[in-house]
């Protein structure tokens, strides 16, 4: 069952179920739109020359939904869209299956193309979703932020060699980068001191 938010012509959701492209297109369909663009991000079978068995996604769901909605509202307004919808899959996503769908509709195709790309880049940079690339065999897997090329932490059959420490918003993937986009550790300030 999907956890979802909708505000005006913006729809966002997180789900453990398979993603349905047709239903996402229907969410943005409008007689005022001359273009609908669908982006489908799929699990590929390799990363940096290593064979990938599957991806696993986890999220701090309440915050991720709010961040997704904020992105959609901003992109909708900036590009004069008719509607925008974004859904991200959680849990195990096998090779060839979709992990994210973004659909946008607008009166003209140029705005739809630009908005779709921008929404994806914003989602990868800001949404509180993390992925584990499972390499299988001796390789184990790597947890990383959900953005291309971000550093990961190696995991080997769940051993602590690699399991990232948990923070208030999910795994802490880069502990040395405090508070980085919500992914790092949280520093609590003592109200009687001027520093952490």
N, C-alpha and C. Protein backbone atom coordinates (compact mmCIF):
# COMPACT_ATOMS: atom_id res chain seq x y z
N UNK A 1 0.84 -1.18 0.00
CA UNK A 1 0.00 0.00 0.00
C UNK A 1 0.89 1.24 0.00
N UNK A 2 0.55 2.18 -0.84
CA UNK A 2 1.35 3.39 -0.98
C UNK A 2 1.02 4.39 0.12
N UNK A 3 2.06 5.06 0.59
CA UNK A 3 1.88 6.23 1.44
C UNK A 3 1.97 7.41 0.50
N UNK A 4 1.00 8.30 0.55
CA UNK A 4 0.93 9.35 -0.45
C UNK A 4 0.49 10.68 0.12
N UNK A 5 0.84 11.73 -0.63
CA UNK A 5 0.40 13.09 -0.34
C UNK A 5 -0.03 13.72 -1.65
N UNK A 6 -1.04 14.56 -1.57
CA UNK A 6 -1.47 15.30 -2.75
C UNK A 6 -1.86 16.70 -2.33
N UNK A 7 -1.41 17.65 -3.11
CA UNK A 7 -1.76 19.04 -2.88
C UNK A 7 -1.91 19.71 -4.23
N UNK A 8 -3.12 20.18 -4.51
CA UNK A 8 -3.37 20.78 -5.82
C UNK A 8 -3.08 19.78 -6.92
N UNK A 9 -2.27 20.18 -7.88
CA UNK A 9 -1.92 19.32 -9.01
C UNK A 9 -0.59 18.60 -8.81
N UNK A 10 -0.22 18.39 -7.56
CA UNK A 10 1.01 17.67 -7.21
C UNK A 10 0.65 16.41 -6.44
N UNK A 11 1.21 15.29 -6.86
CA UNK A 11 0.99 14.01 -6.19
C UNK A 11 2.33 13.34 -5.96
N UNK A 12 2.56 12.81 -4.75
CA UNK A 12 3.78 12.07 -4.44
C UNK A 12 3.43 10.83 -3.63
N UNK A 13 4.25 9.78 -3.77
CA UNK A 13 3.97 8.55 -3.04
C UNK A 13 5.24 7.73 -2.87
N UNK A 14 5.23 6.90 -1.83
CA UNK A 14 6.25 5.88 -1.58
C UNK A 14 5.51 4.56 -1.45
N UNK A 15 6.06 3.50 -2.05
CA UNK A 15 5.38 2.21 -2.01
C UNK A 15 6.38 1.06 -2.07
N UNK A 16 5.98 -0.09 -1.57
CA UNK A 16 6.76 -1.32 -1.71
C UNK A 16 6.26 -2.15 -2.89
N UNK A 17 5.22 -1.67 -3.57
CA UNK A 17 4.61 -2.39 -4.68
C UNK A 17 5.29 -2.04 -6.00
N UNK A 18 5.00 -2.85 -7.04
CA UNK A 18 5.47 -2.54 -8.39
C UNK A 18 4.88 -1.20 -8.81
N UNK A 19 5.63 -0.45 -9.62
CA UNK A 19 5.16 0.86 -10.08
C UNK A 19 4.39 0.69 -11.39
N UNK A 20 3.34 1.50 -11.55
CA UNK A 20 2.46 1.40 -12.70
C UNK A 20 2.53 2.70 -13.51
N UNK A 21 3.18 2.63 -14.67
CA UNK A 21 3.36 3.81 -15.52
C UNK A 21 2.03 4.39 -15.99
N UNK A 22 1.10 3.53 -16.39
CA UNK A 22 -0.19 4.01 -16.92
C UNK A 22 -0.96 4.81 -15.87
N UNK A 23 -0.95 4.33 -14.61
CA UNK A 23 -1.70 5.07 -13.58
C UNK A 23 -1.03 6.41 -13.28
N UNK A 24 0.30 6.48 -13.39
CA UNK A 24 0.98 7.76 -13.17
C UNK A 24 0.70 8.74 -14.30
N UNK A 25 0.62 8.25 -15.53
CA UNK A 25 0.27 9.12 -16.66
C UNK A 25 -1.15 9.64 -16.46
N UNK A 26 -2.06 8.77 -16.03
CA UNK A 26 -3.44 9.19 -15.80
C UNK A 26 -3.54 10.27 -14.71
N UNK A 27 -2.63 10.25 -13.74
CA UNK A 27 -2.65 11.25 -12.67
C UNK A 27 -2.38 12.66 -13.19
N UNK A 28 -1.65 12.79 -14.30
CA UNK A 28 -1.31 14.13 -14.81
C UNK A 28 -2.05 14.48 -16.09
N UNK A 29 -2.85 13.56 -16.60
CA UNK A 29 -3.59 13.79 -17.84
C UNK A 29 -4.56 14.96 -17.66
N UNK A 30 -4.63 15.85 -18.66
CA UNK A 30 -5.52 17.01 -18.58
C UNK A 30 -5.83 17.52 -19.98
N UNK A 31 -7.05 18.06 -20.18
CA UNK A 31 -7.35 18.66 -21.48
C UNK A 31 -6.53 19.93 -21.73
N UNK A 32 -5.94 20.50 -20.67
CA UNK A 32 -5.11 21.69 -20.83
C UNK A 32 -3.67 21.37 -21.20
N UNK A 33 -3.32 20.08 -21.19
CA UNK A 33 -1.93 19.68 -21.44
C UNK A 33 -1.75 19.21 -22.88
N UNK A 34 -0.71 19.73 -23.50
CA UNK A 34 -0.34 19.29 -24.85
C UNK A 34 0.81 18.29 -24.81
N UNK A 35 1.35 18.05 -23.62
CA UNK A 35 2.48 17.12 -23.51
C UNK A 35 2.46 16.44 -22.14
N UNK A 36 2.78 15.16 -22.15
CA UNK A 36 3.02 14.41 -20.92
C UNK A 36 4.37 13.73 -21.09
N UNK A 37 5.23 13.92 -20.10
CA UNK A 37 6.55 13.28 -20.10
C UNK A 37 6.60 12.33 -18.91
N UNK A 38 7.07 11.11 -19.17
CA UNK A 38 7.23 10.10 -18.12
C UNK A 38 8.71 9.72 -18.05
N UNK A 39 9.27 9.80 -16.86
CA UNK A 39 10.61 9.27 -16.63
C UNK A 39 10.47 8.03 -15.76
N UNK A 40 11.12 6.95 -16.17
CA UNK A 40 11.13 5.71 -15.40
C UNK A 40 12.58 5.35 -15.11
N UNK A 41 12.96 5.40 -13.84
CA UNK A 41 14.30 4.98 -13.43
C UNK A 41 14.28 3.50 -13.11
N UNK A 42 15.13 2.72 -13.78
CA UNK A 42 15.13 1.27 -13.61
C UNK A 42 16.45 0.79 -13.01
N UNK A 43 16.40 -0.39 -12.41
CA UNK A 43 17.59 -1.00 -11.82
C UNK A 43 18.43 -1.62 -12.94
N UNK A 44 19.67 -1.16 -13.08
CA UNK A 44 20.54 -1.75 -14.09
C UNK A 44 21.38 -2.86 -13.46
N UNK A 45 21.97 -3.67 -14.29
CA UNK A 45 22.67 -4.87 -13.81
C UNK A 45 24.14 -4.65 -13.46
N UNK A 46 24.58 -3.38 -13.40
CA UNK A 46 25.99 -3.13 -13.07
C UNK A 46 26.17 -1.74 -12.49
N UNK A 47 27.26 -1.58 -11.72
CA UNK A 47 27.67 -0.27 -11.23
C UNK A 47 29.19 -0.28 -11.16
N UNK A 48 29.82 0.68 -11.80
CA UNK A 48 31.28 0.83 -11.80
C UNK A 48 31.97 -0.49 -12.15
N UNK A 49 31.43 -1.18 -13.15
CA UNK A 49 32.04 -2.41 -13.62
C UNK A 49 31.73 -3.66 -12.80
N UNK A 50 30.94 -3.52 -11.74
CA UNK A 50 30.59 -4.67 -10.90
C UNK A 50 29.16 -5.10 -11.23
N UNK A 51 28.91 -6.41 -11.29
CA UNK A 51 27.54 -6.87 -11.53
C UNK A 51 26.66 -6.61 -10.31
N UNK A 52 25.49 -6.02 -10.54
CA UNK A 52 24.54 -5.73 -9.46
C UNK A 52 23.43 -6.77 -9.51
N UNK A 53 23.14 -7.36 -8.35
CA UNK A 53 22.09 -8.38 -8.24
C UNK A 53 20.72 -7.75 -8.08
N UNK A 54 20.64 -6.68 -7.28
CA UNK A 54 19.38 -5.98 -7.01
C UNK A 54 19.70 -4.70 -6.25
N UNK A 55 18.71 -3.84 -6.13
CA UNK A 55 18.81 -2.66 -5.27
C UNK A 55 17.80 -2.81 -4.16
N UNK A 56 18.14 -2.27 -2.99
CA UNK A 56 17.21 -2.18 -1.88
C UNK A 56 17.13 -0.72 -1.47
N UNK A 57 15.91 -0.21 -1.35
CA UNK A 57 15.70 1.18 -0.97
C UNK A 57 15.07 1.26 0.42
N UNK A 58 15.52 2.24 1.18
CA UNK A 58 14.90 2.54 2.47
C UNK A 58 14.71 4.05 2.54
N UNK A 59 13.86 4.48 3.44
CA UNK A 59 13.53 5.90 3.50
C UNK A 59 13.04 6.29 4.88
N UNK A 60 13.22 7.56 5.19
CA UNK A 60 12.54 8.16 6.33
C UNK A 60 11.25 8.72 5.73
N UNK A 61 10.20 7.91 5.72
CA UNK A 61 9.02 8.17 4.90
C UNK A 61 8.32 9.49 5.14
N UNK A 62 8.01 9.89 6.38
CA UNK A 62 7.30 11.16 6.55
C UNK A 62 8.06 12.34 5.96
N UNK A 63 9.36 12.38 6.19
CA UNK A 63 10.16 13.49 5.68
C UNK A 63 10.33 13.40 4.17
N UNK A 64 10.54 12.18 3.66
CA UNK A 64 10.72 12.00 2.21
C UNK A 64 9.49 12.46 1.44
N UNK A 65 8.30 12.13 1.94
CA UNK A 65 7.07 12.57 1.26
C UNK A 65 6.96 14.08 1.25
N UNK A 66 7.28 14.73 2.37
CA UNK A 66 7.23 16.19 2.42
C UNK A 66 8.24 16.82 1.46
N UNK A 67 9.44 16.25 1.40
CA UNK A 67 10.47 16.77 0.49
C UNK A 67 10.04 16.59 -0.95
N UNK A 68 9.48 15.42 -1.28
CA UNK A 68 9.00 15.18 -2.65
C UNK A 68 7.91 16.18 -3.02
N UNK A 69 6.99 16.43 -2.09
CA UNK A 69 5.91 17.37 -2.37
C UNK A 69 6.45 18.78 -2.57
N UNK A 70 7.40 19.19 -1.76
CA UNK A 70 8.02 20.51 -1.91
C UNK A 70 8.67 20.65 -3.28
N UNK A 71 9.39 19.61 -3.70
CA UNK A 71 10.04 19.63 -5.02
C UNK A 71 8.99 19.75 -6.12
N UNK A 72 7.94 18.95 -6.03
CA UNK A 72 6.90 18.97 -7.07
C UNK A 72 6.21 20.33 -7.17
N UNK A 73 5.88 20.92 -6.02
CA UNK A 73 5.23 22.23 -6.04
C UNK A 73 6.13 23.29 -6.66
N UNK A 74 7.41 23.25 -6.33
CA UNK A 74 8.36 24.21 -6.86
C UNK A 74 8.53 24.05 -8.38
N UNK A 75 8.68 22.81 -8.83
CA UNK A 75 8.85 22.53 -10.26
C UNK A 75 7.58 22.90 -11.03
N UNK A 76 6.43 22.58 -10.47
CA UNK A 76 5.15 22.91 -11.12
C UNK A 76 5.05 24.42 -11.36
N UNK A 77 5.36 25.19 -10.34
CA UNK A 77 5.26 26.64 -10.44
C UNK A 77 6.31 27.22 -11.39
N UNK A 78 7.55 26.76 -11.25
CA UNK A 78 8.66 27.30 -12.04
C UNK A 78 8.47 27.07 -13.54
N UNK A 79 7.87 25.93 -13.91
CA UNK A 79 7.75 25.59 -15.34
C UNK A 79 6.33 25.74 -15.88
N UNK A 80 5.41 26.23 -15.07
CA UNK A 80 4.04 26.42 -15.54
C UNK A 80 3.37 25.12 -15.96
N UNK A 81 3.58 24.08 -15.17
CA UNK A 81 3.03 22.76 -15.51
C UNK A 81 1.53 22.69 -15.24
N UNK A 82 0.91 21.73 -15.88
CA UNK A 82 -0.48 21.42 -15.59
C UNK A 82 -0.55 20.56 -14.33
N UNK A 83 0.29 19.50 -14.28
CA UNK A 83 0.35 18.59 -13.14
C UNK A 83 1.71 17.92 -13.08
N UNK A 84 2.04 17.38 -11.89
CA UNK A 84 3.26 16.60 -11.71
C UNK A 84 2.99 15.51 -10.69
N UNK A 85 3.55 14.33 -10.93
CA UNK A 85 3.39 13.19 -10.01
C UNK A 85 4.73 12.47 -9.90
N UNK A 86 5.05 12.03 -8.68
CA UNK A 86 6.32 11.34 -8.42
C UNK A 86 6.05 10.20 -7.45
N UNK A 87 6.53 9.01 -7.79
CA UNK A 87 6.41 7.86 -6.89
C UNK A 87 7.75 7.14 -6.84
N UNK A 88 8.16 6.76 -5.63
CA UNK A 88 9.43 6.05 -5.43
C UNK A 88 9.14 4.71 -4.78
N UNK A 89 9.75 3.67 -5.28
CA UNK A 89 9.57 2.33 -4.72
C UNK A 89 10.58 2.10 -3.60
N UNK A 90 10.16 1.41 -2.57
CA UNK A 90 11.02 1.04 -1.45
C UNK A 90 11.15 -0.48 -1.40
N UNK A 91 12.12 -0.95 -0.61
CA UNK A 91 12.34 -2.39 -0.51
C UNK A 91 13.22 -2.87 -1.66
N UNK A 92 13.11 -4.15 -1.99
CA UNK A 92 13.95 -4.74 -3.05
C UNK A 92 13.36 -4.41 -4.41
N UNK A 93 14.24 -3.92 -5.31
CA UNK A 93 13.85 -3.64 -6.69
C UNK A 93 14.78 -4.46 -7.60
N UNK A 94 14.26 -5.56 -8.19
CA UNK A 94 15.09 -6.41 -9.04
C UNK A 94 15.56 -5.70 -10.31
N UNK A 95 16.54 -6.29 -10.96
CA UNK A 95 17.09 -5.78 -12.22
C UNK A 95 15.97 -5.59 -13.23
N UNK A 96 15.99 -4.44 -13.92
CA UNK A 96 15.02 -4.16 -14.97
C UNK A 96 13.71 -3.57 -14.50
N UNK A 97 13.47 -3.55 -13.20
CA UNK A 97 12.21 -2.99 -12.69
C UNK A 97 12.40 -1.54 -12.29
N UNK A 98 11.29 -0.79 -12.27
CA UNK A 98 11.31 0.63 -11.98
C UNK A 98 11.43 0.89 -10.48
N UNK A 99 12.29 1.86 -10.14
CA UNK A 99 12.41 2.30 -8.75
C UNK A 99 11.78 3.67 -8.56
N UNK A 100 11.64 4.43 -9.65
CA UNK A 100 11.01 5.76 -9.56
C UNK A 100 10.30 6.06 -10.87
N UNK A 101 9.15 6.71 -10.74
CA UNK A 101 8.42 7.25 -11.89
C UNK A 101 8.12 8.71 -11.61
N UNK A 102 8.39 9.55 -12.59
CA UNK A 102 8.05 10.96 -12.52
C UNK A 102 7.27 11.29 -13.78
N UNK A 103 6.07 11.83 -13.63
CA UNK A 103 5.28 12.24 -14.79
C UNK A 103 4.93 13.72 -14.65
N UNK A 104 5.05 14.41 -15.75
CA UNK A 104 4.68 15.83 -15.77
C UNK A 104 3.83 16.10 -17.00
N UNK A 105 2.88 17.00 -16.85
CA UNK A 105 2.09 17.45 -18.00
C UNK A 105 2.16 18.97 -18.05
N UNK A 106 2.17 19.47 -19.28
CA UNK A 106 2.23 20.92 -19.47
C UNK A 106 1.60 21.27 -20.81
N UNK A 107 1.28 22.55 -21.00
CA UNK A 107 0.71 22.94 -22.28
C UNK A 107 1.66 22.67 -23.46
N UNK A 108 2.97 22.77 -23.23
CA UNK A 108 3.95 22.60 -24.31
C UNK A 108 5.07 21.65 -23.89
N UNK A 109 5.63 20.94 -24.87
CA UNK A 109 6.58 19.87 -24.57
C UNK A 109 7.90 20.35 -23.97
N UNK A 110 8.39 21.54 -24.35
CA UNK A 110 9.69 21.99 -23.83
C UNK A 110 9.67 22.09 -22.30
N UNK A 111 8.61 22.66 -21.77
CA UNK A 111 8.50 22.80 -20.32
C UNK A 111 8.42 21.43 -19.65
N UNK A 112 7.70 20.49 -20.27
CA UNK A 112 7.56 19.16 -19.69
C UNK A 112 8.91 18.44 -19.65
N UNK A 113 9.70 18.54 -20.72
CA UNK A 113 11.03 17.90 -20.74
C UNK A 113 11.92 18.47 -19.64
N UNK A 114 11.99 19.80 -19.59
CA UNK A 114 12.86 20.45 -18.60
C UNK A 114 12.41 20.14 -17.17
N UNK A 115 11.11 20.19 -16.94
CA UNK A 115 10.58 19.96 -15.59
C UNK A 115 10.84 18.53 -15.12
N UNK A 116 10.68 17.57 -16.02
CA UNK A 116 10.93 16.18 -15.66
C UNK A 116 12.37 15.95 -15.23
N UNK A 117 13.30 16.50 -15.99
CA UNK A 117 14.72 16.38 -15.66
C UNK A 117 15.04 17.07 -14.34
N UNK A 118 14.51 18.27 -14.16
CA UNK A 118 14.76 19.01 -12.93
C UNK A 118 14.18 18.30 -11.71
N UNK A 119 12.98 17.76 -11.85
CA UNK A 119 12.36 17.04 -10.73
C UNK A 119 13.20 15.83 -10.34
N UNK A 120 13.72 15.11 -11.32
CA UNK A 120 14.56 13.95 -11.02
C UNK A 120 15.83 14.37 -10.30
N UNK A 121 16.51 15.39 -10.79
CA UNK A 121 17.76 15.83 -10.17
C UNK A 121 17.52 16.32 -8.73
N UNK A 122 16.43 17.05 -8.52
CA UNK A 122 16.09 17.51 -7.18
C UNK A 122 15.78 16.34 -6.26
N UNK A 123 15.07 15.35 -6.79
CA UNK A 123 14.73 14.17 -5.99
C UNK A 123 16.00 13.44 -5.57
N UNK A 124 16.92 13.22 -6.49
CA UNK A 124 18.16 12.50 -6.17
C UNK A 124 19.01 13.29 -5.17
N UNK A 125 18.98 14.60 -5.25
CA UNK A 125 19.81 15.43 -4.38
C UNK A 125 19.23 15.63 -2.98
N UNK A 126 17.89 15.60 -2.86
CA UNK A 126 17.29 16.05 -1.61
C UNK A 126 16.41 15.05 -0.86
N UNK A 127 15.79 14.12 -1.56
CA UNK A 127 14.80 13.25 -0.91
C UNK A 127 15.49 12.23 0.00
N UNK A 128 14.93 12.01 1.17
CA UNK A 128 15.50 11.15 2.20
C UNK A 128 15.26 9.68 1.87
N UNK A 129 15.90 9.22 0.79
CA UNK A 129 15.85 7.83 0.34
C UNK A 129 17.29 7.36 0.18
N UNK A 130 17.58 6.14 0.65
CA UNK A 130 18.92 5.57 0.53
C UNK A 130 18.80 4.24 -0.17
N UNK A 131 19.86 3.84 -0.89
CA UNK A 131 19.82 2.57 -1.60
C UNK A 131 21.03 1.72 -1.26
N UNK A 132 20.79 0.43 -1.30
CA UNK A 132 21.86 -0.55 -1.11
C UNK A 132 21.99 -1.33 -2.41
N UNK A 133 23.16 -1.25 -3.01
CA UNK A 133 23.43 -2.04 -4.21
C UNK A 133 23.97 -3.38 -3.77
N UNK A 134 23.24 -4.45 -4.09
CA UNK A 134 23.67 -5.80 -3.76
C UNK A 134 24.46 -6.36 -4.92
N UNK A 135 25.74 -6.67 -4.66
CA UNK A 135 26.59 -7.22 -5.70
C UNK A 135 26.56 -8.73 -5.71
N UNK A 136 26.17 -9.35 -4.60
CA UNK A 136 26.11 -10.80 -4.53
C UNK A 136 27.49 -11.40 -4.29
N UNK A 137 27.52 -12.70 -4.00
CA UNK A 137 28.78 -13.41 -3.79
C UNK A 137 29.59 -12.79 -2.68
N UNK A 138 30.90 -12.76 -2.86
CA UNK A 138 31.84 -12.24 -1.87
C UNK A 138 31.76 -10.72 -1.75
N UNK A 139 31.26 -10.08 -2.79
CA UNK A 139 31.25 -8.61 -2.83
C UNK A 139 30.34 -7.99 -1.77
N UNK A 140 29.23 -8.64 -1.42
CA UNK A 140 28.30 -8.03 -0.49
C UNK A 140 27.53 -6.91 -1.16
N UNK A 141 27.45 -5.76 -0.50
CA UNK A 141 26.71 -4.64 -1.06
C UNK A 141 27.23 -3.33 -0.54
N UNK A 142 26.67 -2.24 -1.06
CA UNK A 142 27.09 -0.89 -0.68
C UNK A 142 25.85 -0.04 -0.45
N UNK A 143 25.78 0.61 0.73
CA UNK A 143 24.73 1.60 1.00
C UNK A 143 25.24 2.93 0.47
N UNK A 144 24.37 3.65 -0.20
CA UNK A 144 24.73 4.99 -0.66
C UNK A 144 23.50 5.88 -0.69
N UNK A 145 23.77 7.18 -0.67
CA UNK A 145 22.68 8.13 -0.83
C UNK A 145 22.11 7.91 -2.22
N UNK A 146 20.90 8.30 -2.44
CA UNK A 146 20.22 8.03 -3.70
C UNK A 146 20.58 9.05 -4.77
N UNK A 147 21.87 9.32 -4.91
CA UNK A 147 22.30 10.21 -5.98
C UNK A 147 23.49 9.59 -6.67
N UNK A 148 23.60 9.84 -7.95
CA UNK A 148 24.65 9.23 -8.76
C UNK A 148 26.03 9.53 -8.21
N UNK A 149 26.83 8.50 -8.08
CA UNK A 149 28.23 8.67 -7.72
C UNK A 149 28.51 8.99 -6.28
N UNK A 150 27.49 9.07 -5.43
CA UNK A 150 27.75 9.38 -4.01
C UNK A 150 28.50 8.21 -3.38
N UNK A 151 29.37 8.52 -2.44
CA UNK A 151 30.14 7.50 -1.77
C UNK A 151 29.22 6.57 -0.99
N UNK A 152 29.61 5.32 -0.91
CA UNK A 152 28.82 4.35 -0.17
C UNK A 152 29.65 3.68 0.89
N UNK A 153 28.99 2.88 1.69
CA UNK A 153 29.64 2.12 2.74
C UNK A 153 29.46 0.66 2.41
N UNK A 154 30.56 -0.08 2.29
CA UNK A 154 30.50 -1.48 1.90
C UNK A 154 29.83 -2.35 2.98
N UNK A 155 28.97 -3.25 2.53
CA UNK A 155 28.31 -4.17 3.43
C UNK A 155 28.61 -5.59 2.95
N UNK A 156 28.85 -6.50 3.89
CA UNK A 156 29.14 -7.88 3.52
C UNK A 156 28.25 -8.78 4.34
N UNK A 157 27.17 -9.25 3.74
CA UNK A 157 26.21 -10.13 4.41
C UNK A 157 25.72 -9.56 5.73
N UNK A 158 25.52 -8.25 5.80
CA UNK A 158 24.99 -7.61 7.00
C UNK A 158 25.99 -7.46 8.13
N UNK A 159 27.24 -7.83 7.92
CA UNK A 159 28.25 -7.68 8.97
C UNK A 159 28.53 -6.22 9.22
N UNK A 160 28.95 -5.92 10.41
CA UNK A 160 29.18 -4.54 10.81
C UNK A 160 30.36 -3.91 10.08
N UNK A 161 31.10 -4.72 9.32
CA UNK A 161 32.19 -4.15 8.52
C UNK A 161 31.67 -2.91 7.82
N UNK A 162 30.38 -2.89 7.58
CA UNK A 162 29.88 -1.90 6.69
C UNK A 162 28.54 -1.30 7.03
N UNK A 163 27.75 -1.95 7.79
CA UNK A 163 26.39 -1.46 8.02
C UNK A 163 26.48 -0.05 8.56
N UNK A 164 25.90 0.93 7.84
CA UNK A 164 26.02 2.31 8.29
C UNK A 164 25.26 2.52 9.59
N UNK A 165 25.78 3.41 10.44
CA UNK A 165 25.06 3.70 11.68
C UNK A 165 23.73 4.37 11.39
N UNK A 166 22.77 4.13 12.23
CA UNK A 166 21.45 4.72 12.02
C UNK A 166 21.41 6.11 12.63
N UNK A 167 20.82 7.02 11.92
CA UNK A 167 20.58 8.36 12.42
C UNK A 167 19.09 8.57 12.53
N UNK A 168 18.65 9.75 12.91
CA UNK A 168 17.23 10.01 13.08
C UNK A 168 16.46 9.98 11.76
N UNK A 169 17.17 10.09 10.63
CA UNK A 169 16.49 10.13 9.33
C UNK A 169 16.97 9.02 8.41
N UNK A 170 17.51 7.93 8.96
CA UNK A 170 17.97 6.82 8.14
C UNK A 170 19.45 6.60 8.33
N UNK A 171 20.07 5.76 7.46
CA UNK A 171 21.49 5.46 7.62
C UNK A 171 22.36 6.71 7.46
N UNK A 172 23.39 6.80 8.28
CA UNK A 172 24.35 7.89 8.14
C UNK A 172 25.44 7.40 7.20
N UNK A 173 25.42 7.89 5.97
CA UNK A 173 26.31 7.38 4.96
C UNK A 173 27.66 8.07 4.94
N UNK A 174 27.70 9.30 5.38
CA UNK A 174 28.96 10.02 5.42
C UNK A 174 29.05 10.72 6.76
N UNK A 175 29.46 9.99 7.83
CA UNK A 175 29.42 10.53 9.18
C UNK A 175 30.24 11.80 9.35
N UNK A 176 31.27 11.99 8.56
CA UNK A 176 32.11 13.18 8.68
C UNK A 176 31.45 14.44 8.14
N UNK A 177 30.31 14.30 7.47
CA UNK A 177 29.64 15.44 6.87
C UNK A 177 28.38 15.74 7.67
N UNK A 178 28.52 16.37 8.81
CA UNK A 178 27.41 16.60 9.73
C UNK A 178 26.26 17.34 9.08
N UNK A 179 25.07 16.74 9.19
CA UNK A 179 23.85 17.39 8.73
C UNK A 179 23.73 17.56 7.24
N UNK A 180 24.59 16.94 6.44
CA UNK A 180 24.55 17.14 5.00
C UNK A 180 23.22 16.69 4.43
N UNK A 181 22.43 17.63 3.99
CA UNK A 181 21.12 17.38 3.38
C UNK A 181 20.29 16.39 4.19
N UNK A 182 20.44 16.44 5.50
CA UNK A 182 19.64 15.58 6.36
C UNK A 182 20.17 14.18 6.49
N UNK A 183 21.27 13.85 5.81
CA UNK A 183 21.77 12.48 5.82
C UNK A 183 22.85 12.24 6.86
N UNK A 184 23.45 13.28 7.38
CA UNK A 184 24.55 13.10 8.32
C UNK A 184 24.06 13.05 9.75
N UNK A 185 25.02 13.01 10.63
CA UNK A 185 24.69 12.95 12.06
C UNK A 185 24.07 14.27 12.51
N UNK A 186 23.35 14.20 13.60
CA UNK A 186 22.72 15.40 14.16
C UNK A 186 23.55 15.87 15.34
N UNK A 187 23.82 17.15 15.39
CA UNK A 187 24.56 17.73 16.50
C UNK A 187 23.56 18.41 17.42
N UNK A 188 23.59 18.05 18.70
CA UNK A 188 22.72 18.67 19.68
C UNK A 188 23.50 19.75 20.41
N UNK A 189 22.94 20.92 20.47
CA UNK A 189 23.61 22.01 21.15
C UNK A 189 23.14 22.11 22.59
N UNK A 190 24.07 22.39 23.46
CA UNK A 190 23.75 22.63 24.85
C UNK A 190 23.31 24.09 24.95
N UNK A 191 22.10 24.35 25.44
CA UNK A 191 21.61 25.73 25.46
C UNK A 191 22.50 26.68 26.29
N UNK A 192 23.34 26.12 27.17
CA UNK A 192 24.18 26.98 28.00
C UNK A 192 25.57 27.16 27.41
N UNK A 193 25.82 26.56 26.27
CA UNK A 193 27.15 26.76 25.66
C UNK A 193 26.96 27.33 24.26
N UNK A 194 28.04 27.79 23.69
CA UNK A 194 27.96 28.42 22.37
C UNK A 194 28.35 27.45 21.27
N UNK A 195 28.68 26.22 21.59
CA UNK A 195 29.10 25.26 20.57
C UNK A 195 28.48 23.91 20.79
N UNK A 196 28.81 22.95 19.91
CA UNK A 196 28.24 21.61 20.03
C UNK A 196 28.82 20.85 21.21
